[in-house]
C-alpha atoms as a PDB file:
ATOM      1  CA  MET A   1      63.739  -5.695  84.623  1.00  0.00           C
ATOM      2  CA  LYS A   2      66.079  -7.850  82.478  1.00  0.00           C
ATOM      3  CA  VAL A   3      67.269  -6.255  79.201  1.00  0.00           C
ATOM      4  CA  ILE A   4      69.660  -7.373  76.363  1.00  0.00           C
ATOM      5  CA  LEU A   5      72.198  -4.569  75.728  1.00  0.00           C
ATOM      6  CA  LEU A   6      72.558  -3.692  72.117  1.00  0.00           C
ATOM      7  CA  ARG A   7      75.659  -1.480  72.550  1.00  0.00           C
ATOM      8  CA  ASP A   8      78.534  -1.435  75.021  1.00  0.00           C
ATOM      9  CA  LEU A   9      77.674   0.750  77.932  1.00  0.00           C
ATOM     10  CA  GLU A  10      80.411   1.713  80.321  1.00  0.00           C
ATOM     11  CA  SER A  11      78.144   1.600  83.482  1.00  0.00           C
ATOM     12  CA  LEU A  12      76.289  -1.623  82.491  1.00  0.00           C
ATOM     13  CA  GLY A  13      78.270  -4.016  80.327  1.00  0.00           C
ATOM     14  CA  GLN A  14      79.153  -5.173  76.814  1.00  0.00           C
ATOM     15  CA  ALA A  15      76.748  -5.565  73.932  1.00  0.00           C
ATOM     16  CA  GLY A  16      74.894  -8.908  73.999  1.00  0.00           C
ATOM     17  CA  GLU A  17      74.885  -9.258  77.798  1.00  0.00           C
ATOM     18  CA  ILE A  18      71.675  -9.693  79.697  1.00  0.00           C
ATOM     19  CA  VAL A  19      71.564  -7.413  82.645  1.00  0.00           C
ATOM     20  CA  GLN A  20      69.200  -6.470  85.411  1.00  0.00           C
ATOM     21  CA  VAL A  21      68.212  -2.754  85.588  1.00  0.00           C
ATOM     22  CA  ALA A  22      65.483  -0.638  87.105  1.00  0.00           C
ATOM     23  CA  ALA A  23      62.314  -0.701  85.171  1.00  0.00           C
ATOM     24  CA  GLY A  24      62.028   3.020  84.810  1.00  0.00           C
ATOM     25  CA  TYR A  25      65.639   3.181  83.472  1.00  0.00           C
ATOM     26  CA  ALA A  26      64.932   0.544  80.936  1.00  0.00           C
ATOM     27  CA  ARG A  27      61.482   1.971  79.817  1.00  0.00           C
ATOM     28  CA  ASN A  28      62.456   5.674  79.786  1.00  0.00           C
ATOM     29  CA  PHE A  29      66.051   5.602  78.705  1.00  0.00           C
ATOM     30  CA  LEU A  30      67.603   2.347  77.402  1.00  0.00           C
ATOM     31  CA  ILE A  31      64.777   1.004  75.188  1.00  0.00           C
ATOM     32  CA  PRO A  32      63.798   4.375  73.570  1.00  0.00           C
ATOM     33  CA  LYS A  33      67.447   5.196  72.693  1.00  0.00           C
ATOM     34  CA  ARG A  34      67.877   1.734  71.177  1.00  0.00           C
ATOM     35  CA  GLN A  35      70.679   0.855  73.634  1.00  0.00           C
ATOM     36  CA  ALA A  36      68.768  -2.171  74.952  1.00  0.00           C
ATOM     37  CA  MET A  37      65.849  -4.423  74.321  1.00  0.00           C
ATOM     38  CA  LEU A  38      63.567  -6.350  76.755  1.00  0.00           C
ATOM     39  CA  ALA A  39      64.977  -9.745  77.520  1.00  0.00           C
ATOM     40  CA  SER A  40      61.960 -12.000  76.609  1.00  0.00           C
ATOM     41  CA  ASP A  41      62.549 -15.563  75.234  1.00  0.00           C
ATOM     42  CA  THR A  42      61.603 -14.322  71.730  1.00  0.00           C
ATOM     43  CA  ASN A  43      64.024 -11.414  71.884  1.00  0.00           C
ATOM     44  CA  VAL A  44      66.860 -13.494  73.231  1.00  0.00           C
ATOM     45  CA  ALA A  45      66.511 -16.130  70.502  1.00  0.00           C
ATOM     46  CA  GLN A  46      66.191 -13.406  67.820  1.00  0.00           C
ATOM     47  CA  PHE A  47      69.283 -11.604  69.254  1.00  0.00           C
ATOM     48  CA  GLU A  48      71.297 -14.818  69.149  1.00  0.00           C
ATOM     49  CA  THR A  49      70.381 -15.466  65.579  1.00  0.00           C
ATOM     50  CA  GLN A  50      71.351 -11.986  64.612  1.00  0.00           C
ATOM     51  CA  ARG A  51      74.651 -12.231  66.515  1.00  0.00           C
ATOM     52  CA  ARG A  52      75.474 -15.538  64.779  1.00  0.00           C
ATOM     53  CA  GLN A  53      74.799 -14.019  61.323  1.00  0.00           C
ATOM     54  CA  HIS A  54      76.835 -10.984  62.104  1.00  0.00           C
ATOM     55  CA  GLU A  55      79.772 -13.158  63.306  1.00  0.00           C
ATOM     56  CA  ALA A  56      79.622 -15.243  60.132  1.00  0.00           C
ATOM     57  CA  THR A  57      79.553 -12.223  57.956  1.00  0.00           C
ATOM     58  CA  ALA A  58      82.454 -10.618  59.829  1.00  0.00           C
ATOM     59  CA  ASP A  59      84.492 -13.908  59.482  1.00  0.00           C
ATOM     60  CA  ARG A  60      83.842 -13.973  55.722  1.00  0.00           C
ATOM     61  CA  GLU A  61      84.893 -10.401  55.383  1.00  0.00           C
ATOM     62  CA  LEU A  62      88.014 -10.955  57.449  1.00  0.00           C
ATOM     63  CA  ARG A  63      89.043 -13.918  55.342  1.00  0.00           C
ATOM     64  CA  ALA A  64      88.375 -11.921  52.140  1.00  0.00           C
ATOM     65  CA  ALA A  65      90.452  -9.017  53.482  1.00  0.00           C
ATOM     66  CA  GLN A  66      93.402 -11.435  54.384  1.00  0.00           C
ATOM     67  CA  GLN A  67      93.317 -12.900  50.932  1.00  0.00           C
ATOM     68  CA  GLN A  68      93.290  -9.436  49.337  1.00  0.00           C
ATOM     69  CA  ALA A  69      96.196  -8.412  51.663  1.00  0.00           C
ATOM     70  CA  THR A  70      98.171 -11.530  50.423  1.00  0.00           C
ATOM     71  CA  ASP A  71      97.476 -10.595  46.778  1.00  0.00           C
ATOM     72  CA  LEU A  72      98.585  -6.924  47.486  1.00  0.00           C
ATOM     73  CA  GLU A  73     101.735  -8.012  49.143  1.00  0.00           C
ATOM     74  CA  LYS A  74     102.832  -9.560  45.835  1.00  0.00           C
ATOM     75  CA  ALA A  75     102.066  -6.345  43.836  1.00  0.00           C
ATOM     76  CA  SER A  76     104.964  -3.957  42.766  1.00  0.00           C
ATOM     77  CA  LEU A  77     103.904  -0.621  41.453  1.00  0.00           C
ATOM     78  CA  THR A  78     105.943   1.678  39.239  1.00  0.00           C
ATOM     79  CA  ALA A  79     104.931   5.364  38.948  1.00  0.00           C
ATOM     80  CA  GLN A  80     106.631   7.181  36.061  1.00  0.00           C
ATOM     81  CA  VAL A  81     106.674  10.832  36.795  1.00  0.00           C
ATOM     82  CA  ARG A  82     108.079  13.901  35.064  1.00  0.00           C
ATOM     83  CA  VAL A  83     110.941  15.499  36.722  1.00  0.00           C
ATOM     84  CA  GLY A  84     112.839  18.814  36.488  1.00  0.00           C
ATOM     85  CA  GLU A  85     116.280  19.957  37.475  1.00  0.00           C
ATOM     86  CA  GLY A  86     117.821  18.021  40.330  1.00  0.00           C
ATOM     87  CA  ASP A  87     115.329  15.174  39.856  1.00  0.00           C
ATOM     88  CA  ARG A  88     112.593  17.218  41.511  1.00  0.00           C
ATOM     89  CA  LEU A  89     109.049  15.995  40.620  1.00  0.00           C
ATOM     90  CA  PHE A  90     106.458  18.171  39.004  1.00  0.00           C
ATOM     91  CA  GLY A  91     103.661  17.714  41.298  1.00  0.00           C
ATOM     92  CA  SER A  92     103.523  14.581  43.483  1.00  0.00           C
ATOM     93  CA  VAL A  93     102.410  10.904  43.635  1.00  0.00           C
ATOM     94  CA  THR A  94      99.062  10.943  45.633  1.00  0.00           C
ATOM     95  CA  THR A  95      96.714   8.217  46.940  1.00  0.00           C
ATOM     96  CA  GLN A  96      94.646   8.535  43.801  1.00  0.00           C
ATOM     97  CA  ASN A  97      97.653   7.807  41.682  1.00  0.00           C
ATOM     98  CA  ILE A  98      98.395   4.746  43.686  1.00  0.00           C
ATOM     99  CA  VAL A  99      94.801   3.596  43.422  1.00  0.00           C
ATOM    100  CA  ASP A 100      94.917   3.937  39.649  1.00  0.00           C
ATOM    101  CA  LEU A 101      98.171   1.952  39.430  1.00  0.00           C
ATOM    102  CA  LEU A 102      96.607  -0.811  41.582  1.00  0.00           C
ATOM    103  CA  LYS A 103      93.481  -0.859  39.328  1.00  0.00           C
ATOM    104  CA  GLU A 104      95.712  -1.344  36.277  1.00  0.00           C
ATOM    105  CA  GLN A 105      96.918  -4.545  38.022  1.00  0.00           C
ATOM    106  CA  GLY A 106      93.392  -5.650  38.809  1.00  0.00           C
ATOM    107  CA  HIS A 107      93.237  -4.683  42.478  1.00  0.00           C
ATOM    108  CA  ASP A 108      90.189  -2.760  43.669  1.00  0.00           C
ATOM    109  CA  VAL A 109      91.134  -0.630  46.666  1.00  0.00           C
ATOM    110  CA  ASP A 110      89.514   2.477  48.057  1.00  0.00           C
ATOM    111  CA  ARG A 111      91.608   5.595  48.172  1.00  0.00           C
ATOM    112  CA  ARG A 112      90.893   6.113  51.862  1.00  0.00           C
ATOM    113  CA  THR A 113      92.501   2.803  52.814  1.00  0.00           C
ATOM    114  CA  ILE A 114      95.971   3.906  51.554  1.00  0.00           C
ATOM    115  CA  GLN A 115      97.993   5.195  54.476  1.00  0.00           C
ATOM    116  CA  LEU A 116     100.282   8.064  53.281  1.00  0.00           C
ATOM    117  CA  GLU A 117     101.625  10.680  55.744  1.00  0.00           C
ATOM    118  CA  GLU A 118     102.008  13.195  52.873  1.00  0.00           C
ATOM    119  CA  PRO A 119     102.120  12.933  49.112  1.00  0.00           C
ATOM    120  CA  ILE A 120     105.340  11.581  47.593  1.00  0.00           C
ATOM    121  CA  ARG A 121     107.500  14.283  46.112  1.00  0.00           C
ATOM    122  CA  ALA A 122     110.855  12.552  45.469  1.00  0.00           C
ATOM    123  CA  LEU A 123     112.175   9.680  43.389  1.00  0.00           C
ATOM    124  CA  GLY A 124     112.763   6.365  45.124  1.00  0.00           C
ATOM    125  CA  VAL A 125     111.248   3.236  46.427  1.00  0.00           C
ATOM    126  CA  TYR A 126     108.377   3.468  49.089  1.00  0.00           C
ATOM    127  CA  ASN A 127     106.564   0.926  51.133  1.00  0.00           C
ATOM    128  CA  ILE A 128     102.846   1.961  51.060  1.00  0.00           C
ATOM    129  CA  GLU A 129     100.491   0.619  53.759  1.00  0.00           C
ATOM    130  CA  VAL A 130      96.977  -0.274  52.850  1.00  0.00           C
ATOM    131  CA  GLN A 131      94.583  -0.692  55.767  1.00  0.00           C
ATOM    132  CA  LEU A 132      91.976  -3.210  54.503  1.00  0.00           C
ATOM    133  CA  GLN A 133      90.286  -3.754  57.851  1.00  0.00           C
ATOM    134  CA  SER A 134      91.032  -2.649  61.339  1.00  0.00           C
ATOM    135  CA  SER A 135      93.162  -5.871  61.879  1.00  0.00           C
ATOM    136  CA  VAL A 136      94.371  -6.459  58.341  1.00  0.00           C
ATOM    137  CA  LYS A 137      97.208  -4.366  56.701  1.00  0.00           C
ATOM    138  CA  ALA A 138      99.000  -4.878  53.393  1.00  0.00           C
ATOM    139  CA  THR A 139     102.301  -3.277  52.330  1.00  0.00           C
ATOM    140  CA  VAL A 140     102.822  -2.476  48.682  1.00  0.00           C
ATOM    141  CA  LYS A 141     106.097  -1.578  47.151  1.00  0.00           C
ATOM    142  CA  LEU A 142     105.998   1.543  44.950  1.00  0.00           C
ATOM    143  CA  TRP A 143     108.906   2.637  42.683  1.00  0.00           C
ATOM    144  CA  VAL A 144     108.816   6.286  41.691  1.00  0.00           C
ATOM    145  CA  VAL A 145     111.039   6.708  38.553  1.00  0.00           C
ATOM    146  CA  LYS A 146     111.700   9.220  35.887  1.00  0.00           C
ATOM    147  CA  GLU A 147     109.446   9.307  32.818  1.00  0.00           C
END
């Protein structure tokens, strides 16, 4: 029986491939678990249409992320913080603080996309990585200065 794989399966192949499998394996395992669908002419045409739409959407999202990364590269943030003796910060600069600073400049970024090893607890200049997509990163310069 020929089926179209909907997901990457280690033993069979990549998503989108048409493979020949045993009828029982297809009927009892692959199709009920939505890992494959029967490779009829209608299903093949429908799958190709969905694949093209998905690729077009992914391409648009990639271009938008690259444009946003270019805009973010130009941004320079300044976080004014209160300090105590020896220029030690009261508290720290967190990802939420960075998101708020970016919003002030008109950039809409999710807090989870900012890559910080740990909160910033000292004055100085930092390069902050923002992971917009799996293949698109932007680096934003952050200045932490006394209030």
